[in-house]
C-alpha atoms as a PDB file:
ATOM      1  CA  MET A   1     -24.212  31.723 -12.614  1.00  0.00           C
ATOM      2  CA  ARG A   2     -20.670  30.591 -11.258  1.00  0.00           C
ATOM      3  CA  GLY A   3     -19.329  32.760 -13.904  1.00  0.00           C
ATOM      4  CA  ARG A   4     -20.870  35.481 -13.382  1.00  0.00           C
ATOM      5  CA  VAL A   5     -19.670  35.910  -9.714  1.00  0.00           C
ATOM      6  CA  CYS A   6     -16.472  35.052 -10.596  1.00  0.00           C
ATOM      7  CA  ARG A   7     -16.823  38.097 -13.348  1.00  0.00           C
ATOM      8  CA  TRP A   8     -17.648  40.384  -9.754  1.00  0.00           C
ATOM      9  CA  ARG A   9     -14.496  39.541  -8.108  1.00  0.00           C
ATOM     10  CA  THR A  10     -12.558  40.575 -10.809  1.00  0.00           C
ATOM     11  CA  MET A  11     -14.465  43.896 -12.074  1.00  0.00           C
ATOM     12  CA  ILE A  12     -14.824  44.577  -8.459  1.00  0.00           C
ATOM     13  CA  GLU A  13     -10.707  44.422  -7.773  1.00  0.00           C
ATOM     14  CA  GLU A  14     -10.032  46.152 -10.909  1.00  0.00           C
ATOM     15  CA  GLY A  15     -13.025  49.294  -9.798  1.00  0.00           C
ATOM     16  CA  LYS A  16     -15.037  48.626 -12.462  1.00  0.00           C
ATOM     17  CA  ILE A  17     -18.171  47.782 -10.710  1.00  0.00           C
ATOM     18  CA  ALA A  18     -19.156  48.773  -7.340  1.00  0.00           C
ATOM     19  CA  ALA A  19     -18.934  46.752  -4.160  1.00  0.00           C
ATOM     20  CA  LYS A  20     -21.043  43.646  -3.142  1.00  0.00           C
ATOM     21  CA  PRO A  21     -23.826  44.652  -1.183  1.00  0.00           C
ATOM     22  CA  ASN A  22     -24.591  43.563   2.190  1.00  0.00           C
ATOM     23  CA  TRP A  23     -28.117  41.711   3.251  1.00  0.00           C
ATOM     24  CA  VAL A  24     -29.443  42.486   6.260  1.00  0.00           C
ATOM     25  CA  VAL A  25     -32.225  39.726   6.933  1.00  0.00           C
ATOM     26  CA  GLN A  26     -34.269  39.843  10.030  1.00  0.00           C
ATOM     27  CA  ASP A  27     -34.353  36.380  11.316  1.00  0.00           C
ATOM     28  CA  ASN A  28     -37.399  36.411  13.872  1.00  0.00           C
ATOM     29  CA  LEU A  29     -39.988  36.359  10.948  1.00  0.00           C
ATOM     30  CA  SER A  30     -42.425  33.320  10.187  1.00  0.00           C
ATOM     31  CA  LEU A  31     -41.690  33.260   6.565  1.00  0.00           C
ATOM     32  CA  ASP A  32     -40.827  29.394   6.007  1.00  0.00           C
ATOM     33  CA  ASN A  33     -37.299  30.342   7.308  1.00  0.00           C
ATOM     34  CA  ALA A  34     -36.686  32.518   4.572  1.00  0.00           C
ATOM     35  CA  HIS A  35     -33.998  34.353   6.330  1.00  0.00           C
ATOM     36  CA  LEU A  36     -31.804  31.058   6.379  1.00  0.00           C
ATOM     37  CA  ALA A  37     -32.784  30.368   2.496  1.00  0.00           C
ATOM     38  CA  ILE A  38     -31.114  33.935   1.979  1.00  0.00           C
ATOM     39  CA  ARG A  39     -28.065  33.304   4.390  1.00  0.00           C
ATOM     40  CA  ASP A  40     -27.212  30.484   2.485  1.00  0.00           C
ATOM     41  CA  ALA A  41     -27.815  31.706  -0.809  1.00  0.00           C
ATOM     42  CA  CYS A  42     -25.828  34.662   0.102  1.00  0.00           C
ATOM     43  CA  ARG A  43     -22.635  32.286   1.357  1.00  0.00           C
ATOM     44  CA  SER A  44     -22.771  30.322  -1.895  1.00  0.00           C
ATOM     45  CA  LEU A  45     -23.066  33.559  -3.759  1.00  0.00           C
ATOM     46  CA  GLY A  46     -19.972  35.432  -1.664  1.00  0.00           C
ATOM     47  CA  LEU A  47     -22.325  37.795  -0.436  1.00  0.00           C
ATOM     48  CA  SER A  48     -21.952  38.903   2.970  1.00  0.00           C
ATOM     49  CA  CYS A  49     -25.421  38.893   4.894  1.00  0.00           C
ATOM     50  CA  SER A  50     -25.975  39.734   8.794  1.00  0.00           C
ATOM     51  CA  LEU A  51     -29.217  38.056  10.505  1.00  0.00           C
ATOM     52  CA  VAL A  52     -30.650  40.434  13.097  1.00  0.00           C
ATOM     53  CA  PRO A  53     -33.734  40.424  15.234  1.00  0.00           C
ATOM     54  CA  PHE A  54     -36.383  43.003  15.113  1.00  0.00           C
ATOM     55  CA  ALA A  55     -39.362  43.455  17.666  1.00  0.00           C
ATOM     56  CA  PRO A  56     -42.616  43.882  16.440  1.00  0.00           C
ATOM     57  CA  PHE A  57     -43.046  47.761  17.298  1.00  0.00           C
ATOM     58  CA  SER A  58     -39.800  48.524  17.460  1.00  0.00           C
ATOM     59  CA  ASP A  59     -37.791  51.402  16.257  1.00  0.00           C
ATOM     60  CA  GLU A  60     -34.399  50.576  16.681  1.00  0.00           C
ATOM     61  CA  LEU A  61     -32.683  49.547  13.859  1.00  0.00           C
ATOM     62  CA  PRO A  62     -29.776  46.818  13.474  1.00  0.00           C
ATOM     63  CA  GLU A  63     -26.256  48.335  13.213  1.00  0.00           C
ATOM     64  CA  SER A  64     -24.758  47.706  10.026  1.00  0.00           C
ATOM     65  CA  PRO A  65     -22.523  49.894   7.616  1.00  0.00           C
ATOM     66  CA  THR A  66     -23.641  52.406   5.464  1.00  0.00           C
ATOM     67  CA  ASP A  67     -21.112  53.324   3.235  1.00  0.00           C
ATOM     68  CA  ILE A  68     -22.018  49.770   1.309  1.00  0.00           C
ATOM     69  CA  PRO A  69     -24.928  48.756  -0.818  1.00  0.00           C
ATOM     70  CA  THR A  70     -26.786  47.527   1.701  1.00  0.00           C
ATOM     71  CA  ILE A  71     -30.771  45.419   1.197  1.00  0.00           C
ATOM     72  CA  PHE A  72     -32.695  45.030   4.010  1.00  0.00           C
ATOM     73  CA  TYR A  73     -35.378  42.008   4.158  1.00  0.00           C
ATOM     74  CA  GLY A  74     -38.070  41.517   7.088  1.00  0.00           C
ATOM     75  CA  SER A  75     -40.885  43.011   8.264  1.00  0.00           C
ATOM     76  CA  ILE A  76     -42.596  45.606   6.426  1.00  0.00           C
ATOM     77  CA  ARG A  77     -41.872  47.785  10.013  1.00  0.00           C
ATOM     78  CA  MET A  78     -38.074  47.062   9.525  1.00  0.00           C
ATOM     79  CA  VAL A  79     -37.587  47.624   6.472  1.00  0.00           C
ATOM     80  CA  GLY A  80     -40.002  50.747   6.284  1.00  0.00           C
ATOM     81  CA  LEU A  81     -37.596  52.514   8.731  1.00  0.00           C
ATOM     82  CA  ALA A  82     -34.590  51.386   6.981  1.00  0.00           C
ATOM     83  CA  PHE A  83     -35.746  52.815   3.886  1.00  0.00           C
ATOM     84  CA  ARG A  84     -36.971  56.159   5.366  1.00  0.00           C
ATOM     85  CA  SER A  85     -33.994  56.415   8.026  1.00  0.00           C
ATOM     86  CA  GLY A  86     -32.191  57.268   4.410  1.00  0.00           C
ATOM     87  CA  LYS A  87     -28.954  55.615   5.929  1.00  0.00           C
ATOM     88  CA  TRP A  88     -28.624  52.940   3.776  1.00  0.00           C
ATOM     89  CA  SER A  89     -28.789  52.119  -0.343  1.00  0.00           C
ATOM     90  CA  PRO A  90     -31.070  50.854  -1.534  1.00  0.00           C
ATOM     91  CA  ALA A  91     -32.477  49.632   1.873  1.00  0.00           C
ATOM     92  CA  ALA A  92     -35.327  48.484  -0.196  1.00  0.00           C
ATOM     93  CA  PHE A  93     -36.566  48.651  -3.674  1.00  0.00           C
ATOM     94  CA  PHE A  94     -39.475  50.681  -3.113  1.00  0.00           C
ATOM     95  CA  ASN A  95     -41.565  53.888  -4.033  1.00  0.00           C
ATOM     96  CA  PRO A  96     -44.561  55.131  -2.384  1.00  0.00           C
ATOM     97  CA  GLU A  97     -46.174  56.834  -4.870  1.00  0.00           C
ATOM     98  CA  THR A  98     -45.780  54.050  -7.149  1.00  0.00           C
ATOM     99  CA  PHE A  99     -46.915  50.947  -4.884  1.00  0.00           C
ATOM    100  CA  LEU A 100     -50.411  52.059  -4.673  1.00  0.00           C
ATOM    101  CA  ALA A 101     -53.341  49.676  -5.622  1.00  0.00           C
ATOM    102  CA  THR A 102     -55.082  52.979  -7.238  1.00  0.00           C
ATOM    103  CA  VAL A 103     -51.936  53.057  -9.627  1.00  0.00           C
ATOM    104  CA  TRP A 104     -51.024  49.692 -10.271  1.00  0.00           C
ATOM    105  CA  GLY A 105     -54.654  48.817 -10.782  1.00  0.00           C
ATOM    106  CA  SER A 106     -55.099  52.018 -13.377  1.00  0.00           C
ATOM    107  CA  ALA A 107     -52.477  50.604 -15.648  1.00  0.00           C
ATOM    108  CA  TYR A 108     -53.197  47.451 -15.824  1.00  0.00           C
ATOM    109  CA  GLY A 109     -57.072  47.808 -16.332  1.00  0.00           C
ATOM    110  CA  GLU A 110     -59.225  44.951 -17.305  1.00  0.00           C
ATOM    111  CA  HIS A 111     -56.035  42.756 -16.313  1.00  0.00           C
ATOM    112  CA  TRP A 112     -56.489  43.533 -12.766  1.00  0.00           C
ATOM    113  CA  LEU A 113     -58.515  41.070 -11.273  1.00  0.00           C
ATOM    114  CA  ASN A 114     -60.313  43.715  -8.687  1.00  0.00           C
ATOM    115  CA  HIS A 115     -60.591  46.086 -11.896  1.00  0.00           C
ATOM    116  CA  GLY A 116     -63.837  48.583 -11.465  1.00  0.00           C
ATOM    117  CA  SER A 117     -63.396  48.490  -7.858  1.00  0.00           C
ATOM    118  CA  LYS A 118     -63.501  51.872  -6.148  1.00  0.00           C
ATOM    119  CA  ALA A 119     -61.509  54.005  -3.766  1.00  0.00           C
ATOM    120  CA  THR A 120     -62.856  54.701  -0.606  1.00  0.00           C
ATOM    121  CA  THR A 121     -62.380  54.727   3.345  1.00  0.00           C
ATOM    122  CA  LEU A 122     -64.276  52.620   6.116  1.00  0.00           C
ATOM    123  CA  SER A 123     -65.948  55.571   7.167  1.00  0.00           C
ATOM    124  CA  GLU A 124     -67.213  56.597   3.894  1.00  0.00           C
ATOM    125  CA  PHE A 125     -67.987  53.211   2.718  1.00  0.00           C
ATOM    126  CA  VAL A 126     -70.221  51.984   5.432  1.00  0.00           C
ATOM    127  CA  TRP A 127     -72.639  54.639   5.134  1.00  0.00           C
ATOM    128  CA  GLU A 128     -73.465  53.935   1.532  1.00  0.00           C
ATOM    129  CA  PRO A 129     -77.349  52.106   0.761  1.00  0.00           C
ATOM    130  CA  HIS A 130     -76.375  48.496   0.393  1.00  0.00           C
ATOM    131  CA  ASP A 131     -77.694  45.054   1.215  1.00  0.00           C
ATOM    132  CA  PRO A 132     -76.611  43.962   4.519  1.00  0.00           C
ATOM    133  CA  ASP A 133     -75.629  40.433   3.253  1.00  0.00           C
ATOM    134  CA  ARG A 134     -73.813  41.496   0.152  1.00  0.00           C
ATOM    135  CA  LEU A 135     -70.682  40.842  -0.070  1.00  0.00           C
ATOM    136  CA  PHE A 136     -66.994  42.863  -0.707  1.00  0.00           C
ATOM    137  CA  PHE A 137     -63.617  42.412  -1.050  1.00  0.00           C
ATOM    138  CA  VAL A 138     -61.478  45.356   0.639  1.00  0.00           C
ATOM    139  CA  ARG A 139     -57.914  45.607   1.082  1.00  0.00           C
ATOM    140  CA  PRO A 140     -55.710  48.453   1.914  1.00  0.00           C
ATOM    141  CA  VAL A 141     -54.416  50.829  -1.590  1.00  0.00           C
ATOM    142  CA  ARG A 142     -51.090  51.131   0.254  1.00  0.00           C
ATOM    143  CA  ASP A 143     -48.228  48.253   0.065  1.00  0.00           C
ATOM    144  CA  ALA A 144     -47.955  48.755   3.777  1.00  0.00           C
ATOM    145  CA  LYS A 145     -50.099  45.919   4.779  1.00  0.00           C
ATOM    146  CA  GLU A 146     -52.264  47.990   7.086  1.00  0.00           C
ATOM    147  CA  PHE A 147     -54.497  44.791   7.463  1.00  0.00           C
ATOM    148  CA  THR A 148     -54.909  41.615   5.189  1.00  0.00           C
ATOM    149  CA  GLY A 149     -57.362  41.959   2.364  1.00  0.00           C
ATOM    150  CA  GLY A 150     -60.535  39.941   2.044  1.00  0.00           C
ATOM    151  CA  ILE A 151     -64.241  39.353   1.631  1.00  0.00           C
ATOM    152  CA  TRP A 152     -66.883  40.444   4.255  1.00  0.00           C
ATOM    153  CA  SER A 153     -70.887  41.604   3.749  1.00  0.00           C
ATOM    154  CA  PHE A 154     -71.592  44.542   4.300  1.00  0.00           C
ATOM    155  CA  SER A 155     -73.394  44.263   7.764  1.00  0.00           C
ATOM    156  CA  GLN A 156     -69.888  42.860   9.233  1.00  0.00           C
ATOM    157  CA  LEU A 157     -68.511  45.463   7.400  1.00  0.00           C
ATOM    158  CA  ARG A 158     -70.662  48.143   9.343  1.00  0.00           C
ATOM    159  CA  ARG A 159     -69.228  46.422  12.385  1.00  0.00           C
ATOM    160  CA  TRP A 160     -65.405  47.413  11.522  1.00  0.00           C
ATOM    161  CA  ASN A 161     -64.440  48.293  14.738  1.00  0.00           C
ATOM    162  CA  SER A 162     -65.953  45.030  16.833  1.00  0.00           C
ATOM    163  CA  GLY A 163     -62.233  43.511  16.076  1.00  0.00           C
ATOM    164  CA  LEU A 164     -63.711  41.693  12.717  1.00  0.00           C
ATOM    165  CA  ILE A 165     -60.510  43.622  10.840  1.00  0.00           C
ATOM    166  CA  LYS A 166     -57.239  42.192  12.399  1.00  0.00           C
ATOM    167  CA  THR A 167     -54.870  45.200  12.469  1.00  0.00           C
ATOM    168  CA  ASP A 168     -52.548  47.469  14.968  1.00  0.00           C
ATOM    169  CA  LEU A 169     -54.038  50.238  14.097  1.00  0.00           C
ATOM    170  CA  ASP A 170     -56.481  52.162  16.249  1.00  0.00           C
ATOM    171  CA  ASP A 171     -60.009  52.501  15.536  1.00  0.00           C
ATOM    172  CA  GLY A 172     -59.621  56.357  14.096  1.00  0.00           C
ATOM    173  CA  GLN A 173     -56.776  55.097  12.126  1.00  0.00           C
ATOM    174  CA  LEU A 174     -57.996  51.979  10.573  1.00  0.00           C
ATOM    175  CA  ALA A 175     -61.461  54.189   9.363  1.00  0.00           C
ATOM    176  CA  ALA A 176     -59.175  56.690   8.175  1.00  0.00           C
ATOM    177  CA  ILE A 177     -56.878  54.722   5.848  1.00  0.00           C
ATOM    178  CA  PRO A 178     -57.401  54.432   1.776  1.00  0.00           C
ATOM    179  CA  ILE A 179     -58.948  51.242   1.188  1.00  0.00           C
ATOM    180  CA  ILE A 180     -60.172  49.310  -2.420  1.00  0.00           C
ATOM    181  CA  VAL A 181     -63.798  48.129  -2.211  1.00  0.00           C
ATOM    182  CA  GLY A 182     -65.109  45.738  -5.333  1.00  0.00           C
ATOM    183  CA  GLU A 183     -66.580  42.506  -6.236  1.00  0.00           C
ATOM    184  CA  PRO A 184     -65.702  39.547  -4.952  1.00  0.00           C
ATOM    185  CA  TRP A 185     -63.914  36.922  -7.455  1.00  0.00           C
ATOM    186  CA  GLY A 186     -63.550  33.149  -7.258  1.00  0.00           C
ATOM    187  CA  ILE A 187     -59.362  32.292  -7.426  1.00  0.00           C
ATOM    188  CA  ALA A 188     -58.621  28.843  -8.920  1.00  0.00           C
ATOM    189  CA  LYS A 189     -54.119  29.312  -8.488  1.00  0.00           C
ATOM    190  CA  GLU A 190     -52.335  32.208  -7.092  1.00  0.00           C
ATOM    191  CA  TRP A 191     -48.436  32.498  -8.306  1.00  0.00           C
ATOM    192  CA  ARG A 192     -45.815  34.899  -7.207  1.00  0.00           C
ATOM    193  CA  LEU A 193     -43.245  36.228  -9.746  1.00  0.00           C
ATOM    194  CA  PHE A 194     -39.820  38.158  -8.706  1.00  0.00           C
ATOM    195  CA  MET A 195     -39.484  40.949 -11.177  1.00  0.00           C
ATOM    196  CA  VAL A 196     -36.442  42.418 -12.057  1.00  0.00           C
ATOM    197  CA  ASP A 197     -35.681  44.663 -14.738  1.00  0.00           C
ATOM    198  CA  GLY A 198     -38.741  43.719 -16.680  1.00  0.00           C
ATOM    199  CA  ARG A 199     -37.858  39.802 -16.621  1.00  0.00           C
ATOM    200  CA  VAL A 200     -39.103  36.902 -14.271  1.00  0.00           C
ATOM    201  CA  SER A 201     -36.118  36.429 -11.813  1.00  0.00           C
ATOM    202  CA  SER A 202     -37.649  33.073 -10.170  1.00  0.00           C
ATOM    203  CA  ALA A 203     -41.367  32.461  -9.455  1.00  0.00           C
ATOM    204  CA  SER A 204     -43.680  30.164  -7.488  1.00  0.00           C
ATOM    205  CA  GLN A 205     -47.441  28.838  -6.734  1.00  0.00           C
ATOM    206  CA  TYR A 206     -48.316  29.600  -3.516  1.00  0.00           C
ATOM    207  CA  LYS A 207     -52.431  28.647  -3.361  1.00  0.00           C
ATOM    208  CA  ILE A 208     -54.879  26.839  -4.912  1.00  0.00           C
ATOM    209  CA  ARG A 209     -58.410  27.902  -4.310  1.00  0.00           C
ATOM    210  CA  GLY A 210     -57.339  29.382  -0.963  1.00  0.00           C
ATOM    211  CA  SER A 211     -55.134  26.657   0.132  1.00  0.00           C
ATOM    212  CA  LEU A 212     -51.343  27.180   0.417  1.00  0.00           C
ATOM    213  CA  ARG A 213     -49.970  24.578  -2.287  1.00  0.00           C
ATOM    214  CA  MET A 214     -46.434  25.470  -3.144  1.00  0.00           C
ATOM    215  CA  ASP A 215     -44.683  24.675  -6.221  1.00  0.00           C
ATOM    216  CA  ALA A 216     -41.793  25.766  -8.181  1.00  0.00           C
ATOM    217  CA  ASN A 217     -43.569  25.018 -11.192  1.00  0.00           C
ATOM    218  CA  VAL A 218     -44.998  27.575 -13.024  1.00  0.00           C
ATOM    219  CA  PRO A 219     -46.786  27.238 -16.637  1.00  0.00           C
ATOM    220  CA  SER A 220     -44.875  29.295 -19.258  1.00  0.00           C
ATOM    221  CA  GLU A 221     -48.094  31.428 -19.674  1.00  0.00           C
ATOM    222  CA  VAL A 222     -48.161  32.838 -16.410  1.00  0.00           C
ATOM    223  CA  LEU A 223     -44.650  33.701 -17.069  1.00  0.00           C
ATOM    224  CA  GLU A 224     -44.924  35.087 -20.128  1.00  0.00           C
ATOM    225  CA  PHE A 225     -48.504  37.020 -18.948  1.00  0.00           C
ATOM    226  CA  GLY A 226     -46.125  38.559 -16.203  1.00  0.00           C
ATOM    227  CA  ALA A 227     -43.528  39.901 -18.302  1.00  0.00           C
ATOM    228  CA  ARG A 228     -45.978  41.247 -20.377  1.00  0.00           C
ATOM    229  CA  MET A 229     -47.521  42.988 -17.450  1.00  0.00           C
ATOM    230  CA  ALA A 230     -44.424  44.211 -16.339  1.00  0.00           C
ATOM    231  CA  GLU A 231     -43.774  46.223 -19.546  1.00  0.00           C
ATOM    232  CA  VAL A 232     -47.302  47.924 -19.549  1.00  0.00           C
ATOM    233  CA  PHE A 233     -46.484  48.881 -15.852  1.00  0.00           C
ATOM    234  CA  SER A 234     -43.377  48.191 -13.227  1.00  0.00           C
ATOM    235  CA  PRO A 235     -43.773  50.111  -9.828  1.00  0.00           C
ATOM    236  CA  HIS A 236     -39.823  49.884  -9.457  1.00  0.00           C
ATOM    237  CA  ARG A 237     -37.168  47.482 -11.635  1.00  0.00           C
ATOM    238  CA  ILE A 238     -37.451  45.295  -9.203  1.00  0.00           C
ATOM    239  CA  PHE A 239     -40.866  43.771  -6.973  1.00  0.00           C
ATOM    240  CA  VAL A 240     -42.697  40.727  -6.993  1.00  0.00           C
ATOM    241  CA  MET A 241     -45.994  40.504  -8.834  1.00  0.00           C
ATOM    242  CA  ASP A 242     -49.173  37.917  -7.718  1.00  0.00           C
ATOM    243  CA  ILE A 243     -50.649  36.758 -10.593  1.00  0.00           C
ATOM    244  CA  CYS A 244     -53.943  34.611 -10.380  1.00  0.00           C
ATOM    245  CA  GLU A 245     -56.127  32.175 -12.605  1.00  0.00           C
ATOM    246  CA  SER A 246     -60.272  33.196 -12.410  1.00  0.00           C
ATOM    247  CA  ALA A 247     -63.004  31.395 -14.289  1.00  0.00           C
ATOM    248  CA  GLY A 248     -59.900  29.958 -16.536  1.00  0.00           C
ATOM    249  CA  ASN A 249     -58.123  33.825 -17.461  1.00  0.00           C
ATOM    250  CA  LEU A 250     -55.086  35.343 -15.700  1.00  0.00           C
ATOM    251  CA  TYR A 251     -54.638  38.361 -14.035  1.00  0.00           C
ATOM    252  CA  VAL A 252     -53.048  40.846 -12.084  1.00  0.00           C
ATOM    253  CA  LEU A 253     -53.511  40.223  -8.619  1.00  0.00           C
ATOM    254  CA  GLU A 254     -51.300  42.379  -6.735  1.00  0.00           C
ATOM    255  CA  LEU A 255     -48.193  44.038  -6.637  1.00  0.00           C
ATOM    256  CA  GLY A 256     -45.625  44.235  -3.891  1.00  0.00           C
ATOM    257  CA  CYS A 257     -42.067  45.389  -2.405  1.00  0.00           C
ATOM    258  CA  VAL A 258     -39.614  42.869  -2.698  1.00  0.00           C
ATOM    259  CA  ASN A 259     -38.065  43.453   0.516  1.00  0.00           C
ATOM    260  CA  SER A 260     -41.016  41.679   2.454  1.00  0.00           C
ATOM    261  CA  ALA A 261     -42.582  38.974   0.132  1.00  0.00           C
ATOM    262  CA  GLY A 262     -42.652  35.631   1.077  1.00  0.00           C
ATOM    263  CA  LEU A 263     -40.538  33.439  -1.214  1.00  0.00           C
ATOM    264  CA  TYR A 264     -42.559  30.157  -1.109  1.00  0.00           C
ATOM    265  CA  ALA A 265     -40.793  27.805  -3.587  1.00  0.00           C
ATOM    266  CA  ALA A 266     -38.989  29.978  -5.699  1.00  0.00           C
ATOM    267  CA  ASP A 267     -35.545  29.845  -6.345  1.00  0.00           C
ATOM    268  CA  VAL A 268     -34.017  32.052  -3.527  1.00  0.00           C
ATOM    269  CA  ARG A 269     -30.505  31.873  -4.722  1.00  0.00           C
ATOM    270  CA  LYS A 270     -31.519  33.144  -8.484  1.00  0.00           C
ATOM    271  CA  ILE A 271     -33.417  35.870  -6.587  1.00  0.00           C
ATOM    272  CA  VAL A 272     -30.837  37.217  -4.558  1.00  0.00           C
ATOM    273  CA  PHE A 273     -28.477  36.848  -7.439  1.00  0.00           C
ATOM    274  CA  ASP A 274     -30.630  38.794  -9.974  1.00  0.00           C
ATOM    275  CA  ILE A 275     -31.164  41.299  -7.227  1.00  0.00           C
ATOM    276  CA  SER A 276     -27.516  41.767  -5.687  1.00  0.00           C
ATOM    277  CA  GLU A 277     -26.188  42.067  -9.573  1.00  0.00           C
ATOM    278  CA  ALA A 278     -29.134  44.899 -10.416  1.00  0.00           C
ATOM    279  CA  THR A 279     -27.651  46.906  -7.270  1.00  0.00           C
ATOM    280  CA  MET A 280     -24.032  46.305  -8.098  1.00  0.00           C
ATOM    281  CA  ALA A 281     -25.176  47.523 -11.656  1.00  0.00           C
ATOM    282  CA  ASP A 282     -27.189  50.686 -10.260  1.00  0.00           C
ATOM    283  CA  LYS A 283     -24.156  51.685  -7.980  1.00  0.00           C
ATOM    284  CA  THR A 284     -21.966  51.513 -10.947  1.00  0.00           C
ATOM    285  CA  ARG A 285     -23.840  53.683 -12.882  1.00  0.00           C
ATOM    286  CA  ARG A 286     -23.778  56.262  -9.911  1.00  0.00           C
ATOM    287  CA  LEU A 287     -20.270  56.305  -9.754  1.00  0.00           C
ATOM    288  CA  ARG A 288     -19.399  57.248 -13.377  1.00  0.00           C
END
């Protein structure tokens, strides 16, 4: 990695590749000091990194140069605002048309844990005829994380507006957002893979039977499964893929935008390096 960093400098000076990206990282997140890990990684790689505060419901984005490649990391709200503003490039590695559970779930088929789930809304689903005690897994279709997916009984879901589902949306908004509803499945282990151009940059286990358990040692079969699934479908050249083990089998749990993803025990320096290099390569191609 050190040799490639030195080549960055030489090739930039010779005008062969674009300038190194600037990272803009929210510093008031509760993501296990991810902002400090990214800052330290940037420093070791000779990259610029700005730590910035961002209020939870703010529409005010931090000041940052717009004439160099810029990568944001932080809350979904901050990253989304930066991406939609069009001021920075790439800002975030995102595509609203592909980061949808209905899209990647369909692509992975039976390799998706919640294969067979239906797309609906709460306002529609609560009128269906189901046993009150029957359990359902429910999550938003979009990567906007309007609420955290979970398991509820049908009787609970019929009382969704009692504050059962934690969200910043008002009742009308929550009732209308697209959701996925399916059978709940037991999950033994969960891993997060950071994918860059079809390969695993780094990875981390993050849960065992629902409890947080971070471990940088990820089984090779998990890494290989993730690489195979990325060949089947990738929502972007850079993204995170969560994989789980259920009943002894591996499944894709969900995909997400790397710019707001928890890093857990992954190799942050490797992730920052690979994402930065991919960004520089993309910018170089556009300059030619």
